[in-house]
Amino acid sequence: MTAPKKVAAPKAASKTAATAKKAGASKRRGWTNDDVKELKALAKQKLPTAKIAKALKRTEGATRQKAYSLGVSLDSRR
C-alpha cells in the first residue's frame, strides 16, 4: 500500500489585491503639469494649504510635499 499523496493548500490572494478591494482604498496619482500650475497659482494667492489641497483633490501632506519639492512656499498657511 502506498501512502496517500498530500495536496498543497491553495495560496491566499496577495495582500495588495485584498487591500485594493477595501472601500476607500485609493491609488496614487501622479502630478500633471496642470496640477503643478494650479498649485503654484493658488500658492501665489496665499490660500491656506487645506483649501489648496481641496481644490487639487489631494491630501494636505501630498500638497505640502509637492510644494516643497518645487520650492513653492506654503509657509504660515495652516
PDB file of N, CA and C in Angstrom:
ATOM      1  N   MET A   1       0.833  -1.173   0.000  1.00  0.00           N
ATOM      2  CA  MET A   1       0.000   0.000   0.000  1.00  0.00           C
ATOM      3  C   MET A   1       0.883   1.244   0.000  1.00  0.00           C
ATOM      4  N   THR A   2       0.400   2.198  -0.726  1.00  0.00           N
ATOM      5  CA  THR A   2       1.148   3.455  -0.765  1.00  0.00           C
ATOM      6  C   THR A   2       0.440   4.489   0.087  1.00  0.00           C
ATOM      7  N   ALA A   3       1.229   5.388   0.613  1.00  0.00           N
ATOM      8  CA  ALA A   3       0.658   6.456   1.445  1.00  0.00           C
ATOM      9  C   ALA A   3      -0.077   7.456   0.553  1.00  0.00           C
ATOM     10  N   PRO A   4      -1.179   8.012   1.047  1.00  0.00           N
ATOM     11  CA  PRO A   4      -1.910   8.996   0.246  1.00  0.00           C
ATOM     12  C   PRO A   4      -1.049  10.246   0.017  1.00  0.00           C
ATOM     13  N   LYS A   5      -1.168  10.792  -1.190  1.00  0.00           N
ATOM     14  CA  LYS A   5      -0.383  11.982  -1.517  1.00  0.00           C
ATOM     15  C   LYS A   5      -0.988  13.212  -0.843  1.00  0.00           C
ATOM     16  N   LYS A   6      -0.085  14.089  -0.380  1.00  0.00           N
ATOM     17  CA  LYS A   6      -0.541  15.328   0.250  1.00  0.00           C
ATOM     18  C   LYS A   6      -0.815  16.353  -0.845  1.00  0.00           C
ATOM     19  N   VAL A   7      -1.897  17.047  -0.696  1.00  0.00           N
ATOM     20  CA  VAL A   7      -2.262  18.085  -1.658  1.00  0.00           C
ATOM     21  C   VAL A   7      -1.982  19.435  -1.024  1.00  0.00           C
ATOM     22  N   ALA A   8      -1.256  20.270  -1.740  1.00  0.00           N
ATOM     23  CA  ALA A   8      -0.929  21.599  -1.215  1.00  0.00           C
ATOM     24  C   ALA A   8      -2.182  22.466  -1.172  1.00  0.00           C
ATOM     25  N   ALA A   9      -2.292  23.234  -0.119  1.00  0.00           N
ATOM     26  CA  ALA A   9      -3.428  24.141   0.019  1.00  0.00           C
ATOM     27  C   ALA A   9      -3.274  25.278  -0.992  1.00  0.00           C
ATOM     28  N   PRO A  10      -4.373  25.771  -1.525  1.00  0.00           N
ATOM     29  CA  PRO A  10      -4.272  26.884  -2.482  1.00  0.00           C
ATOM     30  C   PRO A  10      -3.722  28.134  -1.787  1.00  0.00           C
ATOM     31  N   LYS A  11      -2.936  28.905  -2.535  1.00  0.00           N
ATOM     32  CA  LYS A  11      -2.336  30.106  -1.965  1.00  0.00           C
ATOM     33  C   LYS A  11      -3.400  31.177  -1.799  1.00  0.00           C
ATOM     34  N   ALA A  12      -3.266  31.952  -0.726  1.00  0.00           N
ATOM     35  CA  ALA A  12      -4.199  33.049  -0.481  1.00  0.00           C
ATOM     36  C   ALA A  12      -3.894  34.180  -1.455  1.00  0.00           C
ATOM     37  N   ALA A  13      -4.889  35.002  -1.721  1.00  0.00           N
ATOM     38  CA  ALA A  13      -4.695  36.154  -2.618  1.00  0.00           C
ATOM     39  C   ALA A  13      -3.662  37.089  -2.001  1.00  0.00           C
ATOM     40  N   SER A  14      -2.951  37.779  -2.842  1.00  0.00           N
ATOM     41  CA  SER A  14      -1.906  38.675  -2.340  1.00  0.00           C
ATOM     42  C   SER A  14      -2.527  39.782  -1.497  1.00  0.00           C
ATOM     43  N   LYS A  15      -1.742  40.301  -0.577  1.00  0.00           N
ATOM     44  CA  LYS A  15      -2.239  41.352   0.303  1.00  0.00           C
ATOM     45  C   LYS A  15      -2.591  42.616  -0.478  1.00  0.00           C
ATOM     46  N   THR A  16      -1.863  42.883  -1.538  1.00  0.00           N
ATOM     47  CA  THR A  16      -2.121  44.078  -2.326  1.00  0.00           C
ATOM     48  C   THR A  16      -3.502  44.013  -2.951  1.00  0.00           C
ATOM     49  N   ALA A  17      -3.851  42.871  -3.490  1.00  0.00           N
ATOM     50  CA  ALA A  17      -5.164  42.716  -4.104  1.00  0.00           C
ATOM     51  C   ALA A  17      -6.262  42.831  -3.054  1.00  0.00           C
ATOM     52  N   ALA A  18      -6.005  42.299  -1.883  1.00  0.00           N
ATOM     53  CA  ALA A  18      -7.006  42.355  -0.822  1.00  0.00           C
ATOM     54  C   ALA A  18      -7.225  43.784  -0.338  1.00  0.00           C
ATOM     55  N   THR A  19      -6.145  44.548  -0.201  1.00  0.00           N
ATOM     56  CA  THR A  19      -6.298  45.918   0.280  1.00  0.00           C
ATOM     57  C   THR A  19      -6.888  46.819  -0.790  1.00  0.00           C
ATOM     58  N   ALA A  20      -6.652  46.529  -2.047  1.00  0.00           N
ATOM     59  CA  ALA A  20      -7.201  47.355  -3.127  1.00  0.00           C
ATOM     60  C   ALA A  20      -8.722  47.228  -3.200  1.00  0.00           C
ATOM     61  N   LYS A  21      -9.248  46.107  -2.724  1.00  0.00           N
ATOM     62  CA  LYS A  21     -10.687  45.893  -2.769  1.00  0.00           C
ATOM     63  C   LYS A  21     -11.427  46.608  -1.643  1.00  0.00           C
ATOM     64  N   LYS A  22     -10.705  47.007  -0.603  1.00  0.00           N
ATOM     65  CA  LYS A  22     -11.358  47.658   0.525  1.00  0.00           C
ATOM     66  C   LYS A  22     -11.967  48.982   0.100  1.00  0.00           C
ATOM     67  N   ALA A  23     -13.081  49.328   0.715  1.00  0.00           N
ATOM     68  CA  ALA A  23     -13.724  50.597   0.410  1.00  0.00           C
ATOM     69  C   ALA A  23     -12.819  51.743   0.849  1.00  0.00           C
ATOM     70  N   GLY A  24     -12.696  52.718   0.009  1.00  0.00           N
ATOM     71  CA  GLY A  24     -11.896  53.881   0.349  1.00  0.00           C
ATOM     72  C   GLY A  24     -10.433  53.761  -0.006  1.00  0.00           C
ATOM     73  N   ALA A  25      -9.994  52.603  -0.456  1.00  0.00           N
ATOM     74  CA  ALA A  25      -8.593  52.458  -0.841  1.00  0.00           C
ATOM     75  C   ALA A  25      -8.364  53.282  -2.096  1.00  0.00           C
ATOM     76  N   SER A  26      -7.287  54.053  -2.103  1.00  0.00           N
ATOM     77  CA  SER A  26      -7.041  54.906  -3.256  1.00  0.00           C
ATOM     78  C   SER A  26      -5.722  54.553  -3.916  1.00  0.00           C
ATOM     79  N   LYS A  27      -5.626  54.911  -5.163  1.00  0.00           N
ATOM     80  CA  LYS A  27      -4.424  54.648  -5.932  1.00  0.00           C
ATOM     81  C   LYS A  27      -3.672  55.974  -6.063  1.00  0.00           C
ATOM     82  N   ARG A  28      -2.371  55.904  -5.984  1.00  0.00           N
ATOM     83  CA  ARG A  28      -1.578  57.123  -6.100  1.00  0.00           C
ATOM     84  C   ARG A  28      -1.710  57.702  -7.497  1.00  0.00           C
ATOM     85  N   ARG A  29      -1.882  59.016  -7.527  1.00  0.00           N
ATOM     86  CA  ARG A  29      -1.957  59.714  -8.809  1.00  0.00           C
ATOM     87  C   ARG A  29      -0.716  60.563  -8.963  1.00  0.00           C
ATOM     88  N   GLY A  30      -0.185  60.596 -10.148  1.00  0.00           N
ATOM     89  CA  GLY A  30       0.952  61.461 -10.415  1.00  0.00           C
ATOM     90  C   GLY A  30       0.495  62.906 -10.555  1.00  0.00           C
ATOM     91  N   TRP A  31       1.436  63.817 -10.480  1.00  0.00           N
ATOM     92  CA  TRP A  31       1.140  65.236 -10.631  1.00  0.00           C
ATOM     93  C   TRP A  31       1.276  65.609 -12.106  1.00  0.00           C
ATOM     94  N   THR A  32       0.203  66.117 -12.679  1.00  0.00           N
ATOM     95  CA  THR A  32       0.245  66.569 -14.062  1.00  0.00           C
ATOM     96  C   THR A  32       0.791  67.992 -14.101  1.00  0.00           C
ATOM     97  N   ASN A  33       1.155  68.458 -15.275  1.00  0.00           N
ATOM     98  CA  ASN A  33       1.626  69.831 -15.426  1.00  0.00           C
ATOM     99  C   ASN A  33       0.542  70.820 -15.023  1.00  0.00           C
ATOM    100  N   ASP A  34      -0.711  70.493 -15.318  1.00  0.00           N
ATOM    101  CA  ASP A  34      -1.826  71.360 -14.933  1.00  0.00           C
ATOM    102  C   ASP A  34      -1.969  71.425 -13.413  1.00  0.00           C
ATOM    103  N   ASP A  35      -1.769  70.297 -12.735  1.00  0.00           N
ATOM    104  CA  ASP A  35      -1.825  70.274 -11.267  1.00  0.00           C
ATOM    105  C   ASP A  35      -0.753  71.185 -10.681  1.00  0.00           C
ATOM    106  N   VAL A  36       0.437  71.117 -11.234  1.00  0.00           N
ATOM    107  CA  VAL A  36       1.551  71.926 -10.739  1.00  0.00           C
ATOM    108  C   VAL A  36       1.273  73.408 -10.969  1.00  0.00           C
ATOM    109  N   LYS A  37       0.755  73.742 -12.152  1.00  0.00           N
ATOM    110  CA  LYS A  37       0.423  75.145 -12.454  1.00  0.00           C
ATOM    111  C   LYS A  37      -0.628  75.671 -11.483  1.00  0.00           C
ATOM    112  N   GLU A  38      -1.637  74.849 -11.207  1.00  0.00           N
ATOM    113  CA  GLU A  38      -2.698  75.268 -10.288  1.00  0.00           C
ATOM    114  C   GLU A  38      -2.158  75.413  -8.869  1.00  0.00           C
ATOM    115  N   LEU A  39      -1.300  74.500  -8.456  1.00  0.00           N
ATOM    116  CA  LEU A  39      -0.680  74.592  -7.131  1.00  0.00           C
ATOM    117  C   LEU A  39       0.081  75.914  -6.990  1.00  0.00           C
ATOM    118  N   LYS A  40       0.876  76.239  -7.987  1.00  0.00           N
ATOM    119  CA  LYS A  40       1.659  77.481  -7.949  1.00  0.00           C
ATOM    120  C   LYS A  40       0.751  78.716  -7.941  1.00  0.00           C
ATOM    121  N   ALA A  41      -0.311  78.684  -8.742  1.00  0.00           N
ATOM    122  CA  ALA A  41      -1.230  79.817  -8.811  1.00  0.00           C
ATOM    123  C   ALA A  41      -1.959  80.021  -7.480  1.00  0.00           C
ATOM    124  N   LEU A  42      -2.421  78.932  -6.879  1.00  0.00           N
ATOM    125  CA  LEU A  42      -3.137  79.032  -5.610  1.00  0.00           C
ATOM    126  C   LEU A  42      -2.198  79.453  -4.480  1.00  0.00           C
ATOM    127  N   ALA A  43      -0.953  78.982  -4.526  1.00  0.00           N
ATOM    128  CA  ALA A  43       0.026  79.360  -3.509  1.00  0.00           C
ATOM    129  C   ALA A  43       0.345  80.857  -3.622  1.00  0.00           C
ATOM    130  N   LYS A  44       0.387  81.344  -4.842  1.00  0.00           N
ATOM    131  CA  LYS A  44       0.674  82.763  -5.078  1.00  0.00           C
ATOM    132  C   LYS A  44      -0.439  83.643  -4.512  1.00  0.00           C
ATOM    133  N   GLN A  45      -1.679  83.109  -4.488  1.00  0.00           N
ATOM    134  CA  GLN A  45      -2.827  83.832  -3.923  1.00  0.00           C
ATOM    135  C   GLN A  45      -2.840  83.774  -2.395  1.00  0.00           C
ATOM    136  N   LYS A  46      -1.869  83.061  -1.831  1.00  0.00           N
ATOM    137  CA  LYS A  46      -1.713  82.901  -0.385  1.00  0.00           C
ATOM    138  C   LYS A  46      -2.923  82.251   0.286  1.00  0.00           C
ATOM    139  N   LEU A  47      -3.478  81.263  -0.406  1.00  0.00           N
ATOM    140  CA  LEU A  47      -4.576  80.496   0.175  1.00  0.00           C
ATOM    141  C   LEU A  47      -4.032  79.524   1.207  1.00  0.00           C
ATOM    142  N   PRO A  48      -4.855  79.138   2.200  1.00  0.00           N
ATOM    143  CA  PRO A  48      -4.419  78.128   3.171  1.00  0.00           C
ATOM    144  C   PRO A  48      -4.176  76.786   2.482  1.00  0.00           C
ATOM    145  N   THR A  49      -3.272  76.024   3.027  1.00  0.00           N
ATOM    146  CA  THR A  49      -2.917  74.731   2.450  1.00  0.00           C
ATOM    147  C   THR A  49      -4.128  73.813   2.321  1.00  0.00           C
ATOM    148  N   ALA A  50      -5.018  73.844   3.296  1.00  0.00           N
ATOM    149  CA  ALA A  50      -6.204  72.977   3.260  1.00  0.00           C
ATOM    150  C   ALA A  50      -7.071  73.297   2.044  1.00  0.00           C
ATOM    151  N   LYS A  51      -7.232  74.571   1.726  1.00  0.00           N
ATOM    152  CA  LYS A  51      -8.050  74.954   0.571  1.00  0.00           C
ATOM    153  C   LYS A  51      -7.371  74.587  -0.740  1.00  0.00           C
ATOM    154  N   ILE A  52      -6.052  74.744  -0.790  1.00  0.00           N
ATOM    155  CA  ILE A  52      -5.302  74.355  -1.991  1.00  0.00           C
ATOM    156  C   ILE A  52      -5.445  72.852  -2.215  1.00  0.00           C
ATOM    157  N   ALA A  53      -5.272  72.083  -1.137  1.00  0.00           N
ATOM    158  CA  ALA A  53      -5.373  70.623  -1.227  1.00  0.00           C
ATOM    159  C   ALA A  53      -6.765  70.199  -1.692  1.00  0.00           C
ATOM    160  N   LYS A  54      -7.786  70.845  -1.165  1.00  0.00           N
ATOM    161  CA  LYS A  54      -9.155  70.501  -1.544  1.00  0.00           C
ATOM    162  C   LYS A  54      -9.401  70.821  -3.018  1.00  0.00           C
ATOM    163  N   ALA A  55      -8.880  71.944  -3.492  1.00  0.00           N
ATOM    164  CA  ALA A  55      -9.048  72.329  -4.891  1.00  0.00           C
ATOM    165  C   ALA A  55      -8.356  71.339  -5.824  1.00  0.00           C
ATOM    166  N   LEU A  56      -7.237  70.792  -5.362  1.00  0.00           N
ATOM    167  CA  LEU A  56      -6.474  69.840  -6.167  1.00  0.00           C
ATOM    168  C   LEU A  56      -6.927  68.396  -5.963  1.00  0.00           C
ATOM    169  N   LYS A  57      -7.849  68.188  -5.023  1.00  0.00           N
ATOM    170  CA  LYS A  57      -8.343  66.856  -4.657  1.00  0.00           C
ATOM    171  C   LYS A  57      -7.200  65.960  -4.207  1.00  0.00           C
ATOM    172  N   ARG A  58      -6.375  66.508  -3.316  1.00  0.00           N
ATOM    173  CA  ARG A  58      -5.238  65.790  -2.755  1.00  0.00           C
ATOM    174  C   ARG A  58      -5.194  66.046  -1.251  1.00  0.00           C
ATOM    175  N   THR A  59      -4.375  65.276  -0.561  1.00  0.00           N
ATOM    176  CA  THR A  59      -4.240  65.479   0.881  1.00  0.00           C
ATOM    177  C   THR A  59      -3.352  66.693   1.136  1.00  0.00           C
ATOM    178  N   GLU A  60      -3.466  67.242   2.342  1.00  0.00           N
ATOM    179  CA  GLU A  60      -2.601  68.364   2.717  1.00  0.00           C
ATOM    180  C   GLU A  60      -1.136  67.940   2.675  1.00  0.00           C
ATOM    181  N   GLY A  61      -0.863  66.740   3.149  1.00  0.00           N
ATOM    182  CA  GLY A  61       0.513  66.245   3.167  1.00  0.00           C
ATOM    183  C   GLY A  61       1.099  66.148   1.771  1.00  0.00           C
ATOM    184  N   ALA A  62       0.322  65.621   0.826  1.00  0.00           N
ATOM    185  CA  ALA A  62       0.805  65.496  -0.549  1.00  0.00           C
ATOM    186  C   ALA A  62       1.024  66.872  -1.162  1.00  0.00           C
ATOM    187  N   THR A  63       0.137  67.797  -0.840  1.00  0.00           N
ATOM    188  CA  THR A  63       0.244  69.155  -1.367  1.00  0.00           C
ATOM    189  C   THR A  63       1.477  69.853  -0.810  1.00  0.00           C
ATOM    190  N   ARG A  64       1.686  69.731   0.488  1.00  0.00           N
ATOM    191  CA  ARG A  64       2.872  70.337   1.111  1.00  0.00           C
ATOM    192  C   ARG A  64       4.158  69.731   0.554  1.00  0.00           C
ATOM    193  N   GLN A  65       4.170  68.421   0.392  1.00  0.00           N
ATOM    194  CA  GLN A  65       5.363  67.738  -0.103  1.00  0.00           C
ATOM    195  C   GLN A  65       5.700  68.182  -1.524  1.00  0.00           C
ATOM    196  N   LYS A  66       4.692  68.287  -2.374  1.00  0.00           N
ATOM    197  CA  LYS A  66       4.939  68.702  -3.752  1.00  0.00           C
ATOM    198  C   LYS A  66       5.407  70.154  -3.796  1.00  0.00           C
ATOM    199  N   ALA A  67       4.778  71.000  -3.001  1.00  0.00           N
ATOM    200  CA  ALA A  67       5.192  72.407  -2.954  1.00  0.00           C
ATOM    201  C   ALA A  67       6.645  72.508  -2.504  1.00  0.00           C
ATOM    202  N   TYR A  68       7.006  71.735  -1.502  1.00  0.00           N
ATOM    203  CA  TYR A  68       8.382  71.740  -1.005  1.00  0.00           C
ATOM    204  C   TYR A  68       9.359  71.295  -2.094  1.00  0.00           C
ATOM    205  N   SER A  69       9.005  70.228  -2.812  1.00  0.00           N
ATOM    206  CA  SER A  69       9.900  69.714  -3.846  1.00  0.00           C
ATOM    207  C   SER A  69      10.043  70.687  -5.016  1.00  0.00           C
ATOM    208  N   LEU A  70       9.038  71.543  -5.209  1.00  0.00           N
ATOM    209  CA  LEU A  70       9.079  72.540  -6.277  1.00  0.00           C
ATOM    210  C   LEU A  70       9.699  73.858  -5.802  1.00  0.00           C
ATOM    211  N   GLY A  71       9.886  73.977  -4.488  1.00  0.00           N
ATOM    212  CA  GLY A  71      10.414  75.215  -3.935  1.00  0.00           C
ATOM    213  C   GLY A  71       9.356  76.293  -3.792  1.00  0.00           C
ATOM    214  N   VAL A  72       8.085  75.885  -3.736  1.00  0.00           N
ATOM    215  CA  VAL A  72       6.974  76.817  -3.583  1.00  0.00           C
ATOM    216  C   VAL A  72       6.669  76.954  -2.097  1.00  0.00           C
ATOM    217  N   SER A  73       6.599  78.186  -1.614  1.00  0.00           N
ATOM    218  CA  SER A  73       6.373  78.419  -0.201  1.00  0.00           C
ATOM    219  C   SER A  73       4.889  78.339   0.146  1.00  0.00           C
ATOM    220  N   LEU A  74       4.574  77.538   1.142  1.00  0.00           N
ATOM    221  CA  LEU A  74       3.235  77.480   1.718  1.00  0.00           C
ATOM    222  C   LEU A  74       3.318  77.867   3.194  1.00  0.00           C
ATOM    223  N   ASP A  75       4.388  78.503   3.580  1.00  0.00           N
ATOM    224  CA  ASP A  75       4.664  78.835   4.975  1.00  0.00           C
ATOM    225  C   ASP A  75       3.536  79.638   5.601  1.00  0.00           C
ATOM    226  N   SER A  76       3.255  79.372   6.823  1.00  0.00           N
ATOM    227  CA  SER A  76       2.262  80.048   7.665  1.00  0.00           C
ATOM    228  C   SER A  76       0.855  80.012   7.093  1.00  0.00           C
ATOM    229  N   ARG A  77       0.506  78.955   6.431  1.00  0.00           N
ATOM    230  CA  ARG A  77      -0.869  78.815   5.897  1.00  0.00           C
ATOM    231  C   ARG A  77      -1.479  77.525   6.414  1.00  0.00           C
ATOM    232  N   ARG A  78      -1.658  77.412   7.660  1.00  0.00           N
ATOM    233  CA  ARG A  78      -2.198  76.189   8.230  1.00  0.00           C
ATOM    234  C   ARG A  78      -3.636  76.361   8.383  1.00  0.00           C
TER     235      ARG A  78
END
